[in-house]
Amino acid sequence: MLKTLTERQKSWLILISLWLVTLILATLRPIAVPDEGRYGEVGRWMLVSGDWLTPRLNGIPFFHKPPLLYWLEAISLASFGVNEFALRLVPALHAGLMLLALYLAARTISTETIARRASVMLGTSLTLLVGGQYINHDMMVATWIGLAIWCFAFAFMACDKPHRWLARLGFVACALGMLSKGLIGIALPGLVILVWLIWTRQLKKVLYLPWLSGLLLFALIALPWFVLAQQTYPEFFNYMFVGQQFNRYTAAVYNNPQPWWFYLLALALLFFPWLFFALGQLRRVTATTLARDGVLAEPWWKLCWVWLLAILVFFSVPNSKLVGYILPVVPPLALLAALGWERVMAHRASERKVFITVIVINIGIALGIVLNVGHVTRKTRTQDLAQVFACAANPADTLYVADGYPYDLPFYAQTRKAMVVLGDWPELRKRVGDGWQRELFEGADFDAQAGQALQSEAVLAKVAQTPGHWFVARKSNRMTAGLPGWTLFYQGAGWDLYRSGGVASDGSAAKGPEAAQHKGLPGCKQQR
């Protein structure tokens, strides 16, 4: 049957297969904490609360990032139920869009063979197999940044003046990038295109962009939420743009400090072994030979390198670095790798066997990571405890947490009532760094009523004798020691669950999870 397919049909079949592999991997692991638990729960809370303006974590405003991810998560959860796959479908769809854009662009500027090979290299890298289904903002913004760059580049290369509709699509992609993760959705496409235009001597074409209609489209898509948020919360602009974006880029006080070469190592791991064929291009191939061979015209070769190096340098400057930040560079990297493979391997008799072997190895590595990550992280997660709590508690019961923040517990239990997070909050405001406590109390500054979820540890003694209260803490925690009324209800892998009053909230004796016969929370359905 495959012999009867055209080359283009084979490419489409491969693209679909690669995306399906990513979707399958998305179903095989629990939520990772803190990131997936945090960003997934914000989307679930948006659906439960019906508040589509204010992203909230535990009912508290969470303005670290714009809301596009949460909007799409809420829609997906409403459509497919509250489960990990519904959350991961959002980044996976964007990963598929990135893959599609690379294929269509590469097919237009190069050959079908190069386009297919670049797509396979991207689709069989850990970048897509793992990062493509990871629940956070990185794959989303990387996709829209890439689409913006492709659209503007094709617009400028169309003729003496930019193609107006392609340019307008570039403005739309920038707007969606801004709604995905803020100003980098505009800054990075602008940086790449500006440097590329200067290098290729096309800068004067900027004057002929459809600025009026393009900026109008951008404003209609990107600005309404920011304006409404600022009107509702007067400190919003200062917090998001100055605190969460400019300060995080320039300051050295945030988490994850890494050396300047961090992203080189990250790309070597995420894009192994294809990266080394791309680097071979820099040393062995010139734009002149590429143009002469008919593989890639000089302006497109230059775009790939500007795209890769400009963004790599941009993210290497800050002290704080996270692996996902570098995802925007993988489309040009894949195209360069495909060109490098063409020069080094394409004419060798073993080329096909080597290519398939690398693909199988990469998918095997991704599968091994996905299947084992749950066991490795079981003590940091609360999935086991959440399922017990969901079947034992009533919706009106109050859950107190301390000694950490169980990001995945509300999602798995499907709670509709905010947890009470215990701590010495006045003292934490003075000394705590960039962590879960700060994201909670800074969010509480926007909403005093929601901030009542942050209370003193002394409340445990006050409610110890009253049924309907639960307490979650890490196994080493001794906070309930010496407090009459608190009973150990369930011992999880890394967290323990206590119940107040010595009796269940329905008056039955506290004999452990097997004695609970409540209807429970919606999350209880997962274990029936």
Protein backbone atom coordinates (compact mmCIF):
# COMPACT_ATOMS: atom_id res chain seq x y z
CA MET A 1 0.00 0.00 0.00
CA LEU A 2 2.82 2.40 0.87
CA LYS A 3 4.26 1.92 -2.60
CA THR A 4 1.11 3.40 -4.12
CA LEU A 5 1.34 6.59 -2.05
CA THR A 6 2.93 9.72 -3.43
CA GLU A 7 5.90 11.25 -1.65
CA ARG A 8 3.69 14.01 -0.30
CA GLN A 9 1.12 11.50 0.99
CA LYS A 10 3.90 9.61 2.74
CA SER A 11 4.98 12.83 4.41
CA TRP A 12 1.47 13.52 5.69
CA LEU A 13 1.19 9.96 7.01
CA ILE A 14 4.48 10.37 8.85
CA LEU A 15 3.42 13.71 10.34
CA ILE A 16 0.19 12.23 11.67
CA SER A 17 2.04 9.21 13.08
CA LEU A 18 4.57 11.38 14.88
CA TRP A 19 1.84 13.44 16.50
CA LEU A 20 -0.06 10.30 17.54
CA VAL A 21 3.08 8.99 19.25
CA THR A 22 3.22 12.21 21.28
CA LEU A 23 -0.46 11.82 22.21
CA ILE A 24 0.07 8.23 23.32
CA LEU A 25 3.01 9.24 25.52
CA ALA A 26 0.80 11.95 27.03
CA THR A 27 -1.47 9.29 28.53
CA LEU A 28 1.23 7.23 30.26
CA ARG A 29 2.35 9.32 33.23
CA PRO A 30 0.84 11.20 36.17
CA ILE A 31 1.00 14.95 36.61
CA ALA A 32 4.49 16.24 37.36
CA VAL A 33 4.88 18.68 40.20
CA PRO A 34 5.24 21.52 40.61
CA ASP A 35 4.80 22.80 37.03
CA GLU A 36 2.12 20.52 35.62
CA GLY A 37 0.22 20.54 38.89
CA ARG A 38 0.31 24.33 39.06
CA TYR A 39 -0.63 25.16 35.47
CA GLY A 40 -3.11 22.32 35.13
CA GLU A 41 -4.91 23.23 38.33
CA VAL A 42 -5.23 26.88 37.27
CA GLY A 43 -7.06 25.70 34.17
CA ARG A 44 -9.32 23.37 36.18
CA TRP A 45 -10.12 26.11 38.69
CA MET A 46 -11.07 28.43 35.85
CA LEU A 47 -13.58 25.85 34.65
CA VAL A 48 -14.95 25.16 38.14
CA SER A 49 -15.20 28.81 39.18
CA GLY A 50 -16.48 30.17 35.88
CA ASP A 51 -14.08 33.12 36.26
CA TRP A 52 -12.46 33.37 32.83
CA LEU A 53 -10.84 36.72 33.55
CA THR A 54 -8.66 35.90 36.55
CA PRO A 55 -6.36 32.85 36.53
CA ARG A 56 -6.43 31.45 40.07
CA LEU A 57 -4.36 28.96 42.01
CA ASN A 58 -6.28 27.64 45.01
CA GLY A 59 -8.76 30.47 44.43
CA ILE A 60 -5.99 33.08 44.68
CA PRO A 61 -5.17 35.27 41.64
CA PHE A 62 -2.20 33.92 39.71
CA PHE A 63 -0.82 36.50 37.31
CA HIS A 64 2.57 34.99 36.52
CA LYS A 65 1.48 34.31 32.94
CA PRO A 66 -1.32 35.40 30.55
CA PRO A 67 -4.41 33.19 30.29
CA LEU A 68 -4.44 31.49 26.87
CA LEU A 69 -3.16 28.18 28.26
CA TYR A 70 -5.80 28.20 31.01
CA TRP A 71 -8.62 29.08 28.62
CA LEU A 72 -7.73 26.18 26.35
CA GLU A 73 -7.25 23.82 29.29
CA ALA A 74 -10.68 24.70 30.68
CA ILE A 75 -12.27 24.06 27.29
CA SER A 76 -10.43 20.74 26.96
CA LEU A 77 -11.38 19.64 30.48
CA ALA A 78 -15.01 20.52 29.81
CA SER A 79 -14.89 18.48 26.61
CA PHE A 80 -12.90 15.41 27.68
CA GLY A 81 -13.28 15.30 31.45
CA VAL A 82 -10.85 16.11 34.26
CA ASN A 83 -7.82 13.98 33.46
CA GLU A 84 -4.17 14.35 32.51
CA PHE A 85 -4.78 13.76 28.81
CA ALA A 86 -7.27 16.62 28.55
CA LEU A 87 -4.61 18.97 29.96
CA ARG A 88 -1.79 17.62 27.80
CA LEU A 89 -3.87 17.84 24.67
CA VAL A 90 -3.34 21.62 24.71
CA PRO A 91 0.47 21.62 24.43
CA ALA A 92 0.31 18.54 22.18
CA LEU A 93 -1.90 20.38 19.69
CA HIS A 94 0.62 23.21 19.63
CA ALA A 95 3.45 20.71 19.15
CA GLY A 96 1.56 19.32 16.17
CA LEU A 97 1.12 22.83 14.82
CA MET A 98 4.85 23.49 15.17
CA LEU A 99 5.56 20.26 13.30
CA LEU A 100 3.10 21.14 10.55
CA ALA A 101 4.48 24.65 10.12
CA LEU A 102 8.03 23.32 9.81
CA TYR A 103 7.00 20.80 7.17
CA LEU A 104 5.02 23.29 5.07
CA ALA A 105 7.75 25.93 5.29
CA ALA A 106 10.59 23.54 4.54
CA ARG A 107 8.68 22.01 1.63
CA THR A 108 8.22 25.48 0.15
CA ILE A 109 11.82 26.66 0.48
CA SER A 110 13.60 23.35 -0.03
CA THR A 111 12.62 19.84 -1.17
CA GLU A 112 10.04 17.29 -0.09
CA THR A 113 12.82 15.03 1.16
CA ILE A 114 14.41 17.74 3.30
CA ALA A 115 11.01 18.82 4.67
CA ARG A 116 10.06 15.28 5.63
CA ARG A 117 13.43 14.59 7.22
CA ALA A 118 13.34 17.84 9.22
CA SER A 119 9.85 16.97 10.47
CA VAL A 120 10.94 13.48 11.51
CA MET A 121 13.98 14.88 13.32
CA LEU A 122 11.80 17.32 15.23
CA GLY A 123 9.03 14.80 15.89
CA THR A 124 11.39 12.10 17.20
CA SER A 125 13.39 14.38 19.48
CA LEU A 126 12.72 14.65 23.19
CA THR A 127 11.69 18.21 22.42
CA LEU A 128 8.38 16.99 21.02
CA LEU A 129 8.07 13.49 22.49
CA VAL A 130 8.31 14.81 26.05
CA GLY A 131 8.27 18.62 25.89
CA GLY A 132 5.47 18.54 23.36
CA GLN A 133 3.03 17.14 25.92
CA TYR A 134 4.33 18.87 29.06
CA ILE A 135 1.74 21.08 30.74
CA ASN A 136 3.13 24.61 30.79
CA HIS A 137 3.34 27.69 28.57
CA ASP A 138 6.62 26.89 26.80
CA MET A 139 5.44 24.79 23.85
CA MET A 140 2.57 27.21 23.22
CA VAL A 141 4.68 30.34 23.04
CA ALA A 142 7.41 28.54 21.07
CA THR A 143 4.83 27.54 18.46
CA TRP A 144 3.39 31.03 18.06
CA ILE A 145 6.86 32.59 17.96
CA GLY A 146 7.78 30.15 15.20
CA LEU A 147 4.61 30.81 13.23
CA ALA A 148 5.16 34.56 13.50
CA ILE A 149 8.72 34.22 12.18
CA TRP A 150 7.66 31.97 9.30
CA CYS A 151 4.79 34.30 8.32
CA PHE A 152 6.86 37.46 8.37
CA ALA A 153 9.78 35.79 6.58
CA PHE A 154 7.58 34.50 3.78
CA ALA A 155 5.88 37.88 3.59
CA PHE A 156 9.19 39.67 3.09
CA MET A 157 10.47 37.11 0.59
CA ALA A 158 7.29 37.18 -1.52
CA CYS A 159 8.23 40.20 -3.64
CA ASP A 160 9.62 43.74 -3.49
CA LYS A 161 6.96 44.63 -0.93
CA PRO A 162 5.80 42.33 1.88
CA HIS A 163 2.85 40.08 1.18
CA ARG A 164 0.10 41.82 3.13
CA TRP A 165 -1.94 38.81 4.28
CA LEU A 166 1.08 36.79 5.35
CA ALA A 167 2.27 39.79 7.32
CA ARG A 168 -1.15 40.12 8.95
CA LEU A 169 -0.98 36.45 9.96
CA GLY A 170 2.38 37.28 11.54
CA PHE A 171 0.73 39.96 13.67
CA VAL A 172 -1.97 37.48 14.68
CA ALA A 173 0.67 34.92 15.71
CA CYS A 174 2.44 37.59 17.79
CA ALA A 175 -0.85 38.39 19.54
CA LEU A 176 -1.40 34.72 20.41
CA GLY A 177 2.22 34.49 21.54
CA MET A 178 1.67 37.42 23.88
CA LEU A 179 -1.46 35.78 25.28
CA SER A 180 0.59 32.62 25.76
CA LYS A 181 3.50 33.99 27.76
CA GLY A 182 3.72 37.76 27.54
CA LEU A 183 6.15 40.10 25.83
CA ILE A 184 8.48 37.45 24.40
CA GLY A 185 5.65 36.60 22.01
CA ILE A 186 6.42 39.93 20.35
CA ALA A 187 10.07 40.53 21.26
CA LEU A 188 11.56 37.31 19.90
CA PRO A 189 9.90 37.33 16.46
CA GLY A 190 10.79 41.02 16.21
CA LEU A 191 14.41 40.39 17.17
CA VAL A 192 14.87 37.52 14.72
CA ILE A 193 13.21 39.26 11.78
CA LEU A 194 15.03 42.55 12.40
CA VAL A 195 18.50 40.96 12.49
CA TRP A 196 17.66 38.83 9.45
CA LEU A 197 16.41 41.81 7.44
CA ILE A 198 19.57 43.74 8.22
CA TRP A 199 21.80 40.78 7.26
CA THR A 200 19.94 40.17 4.00
CA ARG A 201 19.62 43.89 3.18
CA GLN A 202 15.85 43.94 3.17
CA LEU A 203 15.30 46.36 6.04
CA LYS A 204 13.62 49.00 3.85
CA LYS A 205 10.73 46.58 3.25
CA VAL A 206 9.63 47.18 6.83
CA LEU A 207 8.15 50.49 5.69
CA TYR A 208 5.67 48.63 3.50
CA LEU A 209 4.27 46.31 6.15
CA PRO A 210 0.50 46.66 6.67
CA TRP A 211 1.12 48.35 9.99
CA LEU A 212 -2.34 49.78 10.50
CA SER A 213 -4.34 46.61 9.85
CA GLY A 214 -1.69 44.40 11.41
CA LEU A 215 -1.54 46.32 14.67
CA LEU A 216 -5.32 46.52 14.72
CA LEU A 217 -5.56 42.71 14.48
CA PHE A 218 -2.91 42.41 17.17
CA ALA A 219 -4.78 44.80 19.46
CA LEU A 220 -8.15 43.13 18.95
CA ILE A 221 -6.72 39.72 19.90
CA ALA A 222 -4.10 40.46 22.54
CA LEU A 223 -5.14 43.61 24.38
CA PRO A 224 -8.72 43.10 25.71
CA TRP A 225 -7.70 40.69 28.47
CA PHE A 226 -4.78 42.85 29.61
CA VAL A 227 -6.97 45.95 29.67
CA LEU A 228 -9.76 44.22 31.62
CA ALA A 229 -7.27 42.75 34.08
CA GLN A 230 -5.70 46.16 34.68
CA GLN A 231 -9.10 47.76 35.21
CA THR A 232 -10.02 45.06 37.73
CA TYR A 233 -6.62 44.96 39.48
CA PRO A 234 -4.80 48.33 39.39
CA GLU A 235 -1.40 46.78 40.18
CA PHE A 236 -1.66 44.16 37.45
CA PHE A 237 0.57 45.79 34.80
CA ASN A 238 3.33 46.48 37.28
CA TYR A 239 3.19 42.93 38.63
CA MET A 240 3.08 41.04 35.33
CA PHE A 241 5.26 43.15 33.06
CA VAL A 242 7.75 44.63 35.52
CA GLY A 243 7.82 41.94 38.20
CA GLN A 244 7.23 38.71 36.31
CA GLN A 245 8.86 39.55 32.99
CA PHE A 246 11.39 42.40 33.08
CA ASN A 247 12.70 41.65 36.58
CA ARG A 248 12.87 37.92 35.94
CA TYR A 249 14.96 38.59 32.87
CA THR A 250 17.35 41.09 34.43
CA ALA A 251 17.58 40.11 38.10
CA ALA A 252 19.76 37.41 39.65
CA VAL A 253 17.50 36.63 42.62
CA TYR A 254 15.17 34.11 41.00
CA ASN A 255 15.36 30.32 41.01
CA ASN A 256 17.29 28.08 38.63
CA PRO A 257 20.58 29.99 38.22
CA GLN A 258 22.59 28.31 35.48
CA PRO A 259 25.86 29.00 33.60
CA TRP A 260 25.86 30.61 30.15
CA TRP A 261 26.35 27.25 28.37
CA PHE A 262 23.25 25.69 29.96
CA TYR A 263 21.15 25.80 26.79
CA LEU A 264 23.89 24.26 24.68
CA LEU A 265 23.77 21.24 26.96
CA ALA A 266 19.96 21.30 27.00
CA LEU A 267 19.80 21.25 23.20
CA ALA A 268 22.36 18.46 23.04
CA LEU A 269 20.04 16.33 25.20
CA LEU A 270 16.69 17.45 23.79
CA PHE A 271 17.78 17.22 20.16
CA PHE A 272 20.21 14.30 20.30
CA PRO A 273 21.75 13.29 17.96
CA TRP A 274 20.27 15.55 15.27
CA LEU A 275 21.89 18.66 16.79
CA PHE A 276 25.34 17.60 15.67
CA PHE A 277 24.30 17.46 12.00
CA ALA A 278 23.06 21.05 12.35
CA LEU A 279 26.34 22.17 13.89
CA GLY A 280 28.18 20.51 11.03
CA GLN A 281 26.38 22.92 8.72
CA LEU A 282 28.01 25.88 10.44
CA ARG A 283 31.50 24.52 9.88
CA ARG A 284 31.26 22.74 6.55
CA VAL A 285 28.49 24.37 4.54
CA THR A 286 28.27 27.91 3.21
CA ALA A 287 25.23 29.76 1.96
CA THR A 288 26.81 29.83 -1.51
CA THR A 289 27.09 26.05 -1.80
CA LEU A 290 23.57 25.58 -0.48
CA ALA A 291 22.18 27.95 -3.07
CA ARG A 292 24.22 26.35 -5.85
CA ASP A 293 23.02 22.88 -4.93
CA GLY A 294 19.43 24.05 -5.02
CA VAL A 295 18.84 22.83 -1.45
CA LEU A 296 18.20 26.15 0.28
CA ALA A 297 18.45 29.73 -0.92
CA GLU A 298 20.84 32.03 0.91
CA PRO A 299 18.23 34.20 2.70
CA TRP A 300 16.54 31.12 4.19
CA TRP A 301 19.82 29.64 5.34
CA LYS A 302 20.61 32.94 7.03
CA LEU A 303 17.14 33.03 8.64
CA CYS A 304 17.73 29.64 10.24
CA TRP A 305 20.97 30.70 11.83
CA VAL A 306 19.67 34.09 12.98
CA TRP A 307 16.59 32.37 14.44
CA LEU A 308 18.73 29.86 16.31
CA LEU A 309 21.50 32.14 17.55
CA ALA A 310 19.48 35.25 18.40
CA ILE A 311 17.08 33.36 20.66
CA LEU A 312 19.87 31.24 22.13
CA VAL A 313 21.79 34.37 23.11
CA PHE A 314 18.63 36.11 24.36
CA PHE A 315 17.86 33.35 26.86
CA SER A 316 21.50 32.74 27.81
CA VAL A 317 21.87 36.28 29.19
CA PRO A 318 19.61 35.96 32.28
CA ASN A 319 20.92 34.21 35.37
CA SER A 320 17.74 32.14 35.73
CA LYS A 321 17.31 29.46 33.06
CA LEU A 322 14.76 26.71 32.46
CA VAL A 323 14.96 24.02 29.78
CA GLY A 324 11.61 24.87 28.20
CA TYR A 325 12.65 28.43 27.39
CA ILE A 326 14.79 27.21 24.48
CA LEU A 327 11.95 25.46 22.61
CA PRO A 328 11.49 28.32 20.08
CA VAL A 329 14.80 27.42 18.37
CA VAL A 330 13.98 23.82 17.47
CA PRO A 331 12.23 24.41 14.09
CA PRO A 332 15.26 26.04 12.42
CA LEU A 333 17.52 23.59 14.21
CA ALA A 334 15.58 20.69 12.69
CA LEU A 335 15.84 22.19 9.21
CA LEU A 336 19.59 22.74 9.58
CA ALA A 337 19.97 19.19 10.88
CA ALA A 338 18.10 17.83 7.86
CA LEU A 339 20.44 19.75 5.57
CA GLY A 340 23.45 18.46 7.46
CA TRP A 341 22.19 14.89 7.17
CA GLU A 342 21.70 15.39 3.42
CA ARG A 343 25.34 16.35 3.02
CA VAL A 344 26.89 13.75 5.34
CA MET A 345 24.61 10.70 5.22
CA ALA A 346 22.14 10.84 2.33
CA HIS A 347 24.38 9.11 -0.21
CA ARG A 348 25.60 6.34 2.05
CA ALA A 349 24.27 2.81 1.67
CA SER A 350 23.55 2.58 5.42
CA GLU A 351 21.69 5.91 5.57
CA ARG A 352 18.17 4.45 5.87
CA LYS A 353 19.13 1.89 8.53
CA VAL A 354 20.99 4.47 10.60
CA PHE A 355 18.10 6.94 10.37
CA ILE A 356 15.50 4.38 11.46
CA THR A 357 17.75 3.14 14.27
CA VAL A 358 18.14 6.63 15.69
CA ILE A 359 14.37 7.15 15.50
CA VAL A 360 13.69 3.91 17.39
CA ILE A 361 16.29 4.75 20.03
CA ASN A 362 14.84 8.23 20.60
CA ILE A 363 11.29 6.94 20.93
CA GLY A 364 12.55 4.23 23.29
CA ILE A 365 14.30 6.82 25.47
CA ALA A 366 11.16 8.95 25.59
CA LEU A 367 9.04 5.92 26.46
CA GLY A 368 11.45 4.95 29.23
CA ILE A 369 11.32 8.45 30.71
CA VAL A 370 7.54 8.59 30.59
CA LEU A 371 7.01 5.14 32.10
CA ASN A 372 9.48 5.63 34.95
CA VAL A 373 8.96 9.26 35.95
CA GLY A 374 5.86 8.41 37.99
CA HIS A 375 7.73 5.95 40.18
CA VAL A 376 10.69 8.27 40.63
CA THR A 377 8.47 11.18 41.72
CA ARG A 378 5.88 9.25 43.74
CA LYS A 379 7.04 10.69 47.09
CA THR A 380 6.74 14.28 45.91
CA ARG A 381 3.24 13.79 44.47
CA THR A 382 -0.07 13.37 46.32
CA GLN A 383 -2.09 11.40 43.77
CA ASP A 384 -2.50 8.41 46.08
CA LEU A 385 -3.62 10.59 48.98
CA ALA A 386 -5.90 12.71 46.77
CA GLN A 387 -7.91 9.71 45.65
CA VAL A 388 -8.44 8.53 49.22
CA PHE A 389 -9.42 12.03 50.32
CA ALA A 390 -11.85 12.40 47.40
CA CYS A 391 -13.83 9.36 48.52
CA ALA A 392 -13.66 10.11 52.25
CA ALA A 393 -14.46 13.81 52.39
CA ASN A 394 -17.60 15.80 51.77
CA PRO A 395 -17.60 18.84 49.43
CA ALA A 396 -18.13 21.17 52.43
CA ASP A 397 -15.15 19.78 54.37
CA THR A 398 -12.07 21.96 54.81
CA LEU A 399 -8.60 20.76 53.85
CA TYR A 400 -5.53 22.28 55.56
CA VAL A 401 -2.03 21.85 54.10
CA ALA A 402 1.41 22.65 55.46
CA ASP A 403 5.08 21.87 55.00
CA GLY A 404 4.83 22.34 51.24
CA TYR A 405 2.16 22.82 48.64
CA PRO A 406 0.53 19.69 47.11
CA TYR A 407 -0.01 21.05 43.61
CA ASP A 408 -1.63 17.93 42.21
CA LEU A 409 -4.00 17.17 45.11
CA PRO A 410 -6.86 19.55 44.13
CA PHE A 411 -6.75 18.32 40.55
CA TYR A 412 -6.95 14.62 41.36
CA ALA A 413 -9.49 15.10 44.16
CA GLN A 414 -11.39 17.64 42.03
CA THR A 415 -12.01 19.91 45.00
CA ARG A 416 -14.26 22.94 44.63
CA LYS A 417 -13.24 24.58 47.90
CA ALA A 418 -9.90 26.29 48.37
CA MET A 419 -7.39 24.60 50.65
CA VAL A 420 -6.25 26.47 53.75
CA VAL A 421 -2.49 26.84 53.44
CA LEU A 422 -0.76 27.14 56.82
CA GLY A 423 2.35 29.12 57.62
CA ASP A 424 3.81 32.11 59.39
CA TRP A 425 2.87 34.39 56.52
CA PRO A 426 4.11 37.73 57.97
CA GLU A 427 7.52 36.16 58.49
CA LEU A 428 7.47 34.39 55.11
CA ARG A 429 6.86 37.72 53.39
CA LYS A 430 10.11 39.01 54.87
CA ARG A 431 12.44 36.14 54.10
CA VAL A 432 11.05 33.71 51.54
CA GLY A 433 12.59 33.66 48.08
CA ASP A 434 11.14 32.73 44.71
CA GLY A 435 8.89 29.79 45.54
CA TRP A 436 5.38 28.52 46.15
CA GLN A 437 4.82 30.70 49.23
CA ARG A 438 5.60 33.85 47.29
CA GLU A 439 3.28 33.04 44.40
CA LEU A 440 0.47 32.54 46.94
CA PHE A 441 0.90 35.63 49.10
CA GLU A 442 1.65 37.89 46.13
CA GLY A 443 -1.54 36.64 44.51
CA ALA A 444 -3.45 37.22 47.75
CA ASP A 445 -2.48 40.90 47.55
CA PHE A 446 -4.84 41.19 44.57
CA ASP A 447 -7.82 39.63 46.37
CA ALA A 448 -8.09 39.93 50.16
CA GLN A 449 -11.05 37.58 50.37
CA ALA A 450 -9.24 34.84 48.45
CA GLY A 451 -6.21 35.56 50.63
CA GLN A 452 -8.10 34.20 53.65
CA ALA A 453 -6.95 30.80 52.45
CA LEU A 454 -3.53 31.70 53.91
CA GLN A 455 -3.73 31.21 57.67
CA SER A 456 -1.60 30.63 60.74
CA GLU A 457 -0.64 27.16 61.93
CA ALA A 458 -2.51 27.92 65.16
CA VAL A 459 -5.80 27.18 63.40
CA LEU A 460 -5.08 23.44 63.60
CA ALA A 461 -5.60 23.46 67.38
CA LYS A 462 -8.84 25.40 67.02
CA VAL A 463 -10.49 22.90 64.65
CA ALA A 464 -8.94 19.69 65.97
CA GLN A 465 -12.09 18.61 67.83
CA THR A 466 -14.52 19.65 65.09
CA PRO A 467 -15.48 17.08 62.43
CA GLY A 468 -15.22 18.02 58.76
CA HIS A 469 -11.58 19.13 58.78
CA TRP A 470 -8.61 17.41 57.13
CA PHE A 471 -4.90 18.07 57.27
CA VAL A 472 -2.19 17.11 54.76
CA ALA A 473 1.54 17.32 55.43
CA ARG A 474 4.74 15.56 54.47
CA LYS A 475 5.59 12.39 56.35
CA SER A 476 8.24 14.09 58.47
CA ASN A 477 5.82 16.75 59.70
CA ARG A 478 4.99 16.75 63.44
CA MET A 479 2.56 19.66 63.45
CA THR A 480 -0.37 17.62 64.82
CA ALA A 481 1.68 15.96 67.56
CA GLY A 482 0.15 16.78 70.94
CA LEU A 483 -3.06 18.14 69.42
CA PRO A 484 -5.98 15.99 70.67
CA GLY A 485 -8.56 15.29 68.01
CA TRP A 486 -6.35 14.81 64.98
CA THR A 487 -6.24 11.20 63.76
CA LEU A 488 -3.95 9.75 61.14
CA PHE A 489 -6.31 8.66 58.37
CA TYR A 490 -4.03 7.59 55.53
CA GLN A 491 -0.29 7.24 54.98
CA GLY A 492 0.76 8.02 51.43
CA ALA A 493 4.08 7.55 49.69
CA GLY A 494 5.34 10.98 50.69
CA TRP A 495 2.41 12.75 52.37
CA ASP A 496 0.04 11.84 55.23
CA LEU A 497 -3.64 12.65 55.65
CA TYR A 498 -5.16 13.45 59.07
CA ARG A 499 -8.79 13.89 60.08
CA SER A 500 -10.15 16.05 62.85
CA GLY A 501 -12.59 15.23 65.65
CA GLY A 502 -11.75 11.57 65.93
CA VAL A 503 -14.88 10.84 63.89
CA ALA A 504 -15.84 11.31 60.27
CA SER A 505 -17.88 14.29 59.21
CA ASP A 506 -20.99 12.07 59.03
CA GLY A 507 -20.50 10.89 62.62
CA SER A 508 -19.07 7.44 61.87
CA ALA A 509 -16.02 6.17 63.73
CA ALA A 510 -12.64 6.98 62.27
CA LYS A 511 -11.40 3.55 61.19
CA GLY A 512 -9.45 4.57 58.12
CA PRO A 513 -10.23 4.98 54.42
CA GLU A 514 -11.99 1.64 54.13
CA ALA A 515 -14.68 2.83 56.57
CA ALA A 516 -15.64 5.92 54.56
CA GLN A 517 -18.89 5.51 52.66
CA HIS A 518 -19.47 9.11 51.56
CA LYS A 519 -20.43 10.06 48.07
CA GLY A 520 -17.26 12.12 48.21
CA LEU A 521 -15.77 14.56 45.72
CA PRO A 522 -15.87 14.20 41.93
CA GLY A 523 -12.32 12.83 41.98
CA CYS A 524 -13.60 9.70 43.72
CA LYS A 525 -14.99 8.50 40.40
CA GLN A 526 -11.46 7.85 39.19
CA GLN A 527 -11.02 4.84 41.45
CA ARG A 528 -14.46 3.27 41.15
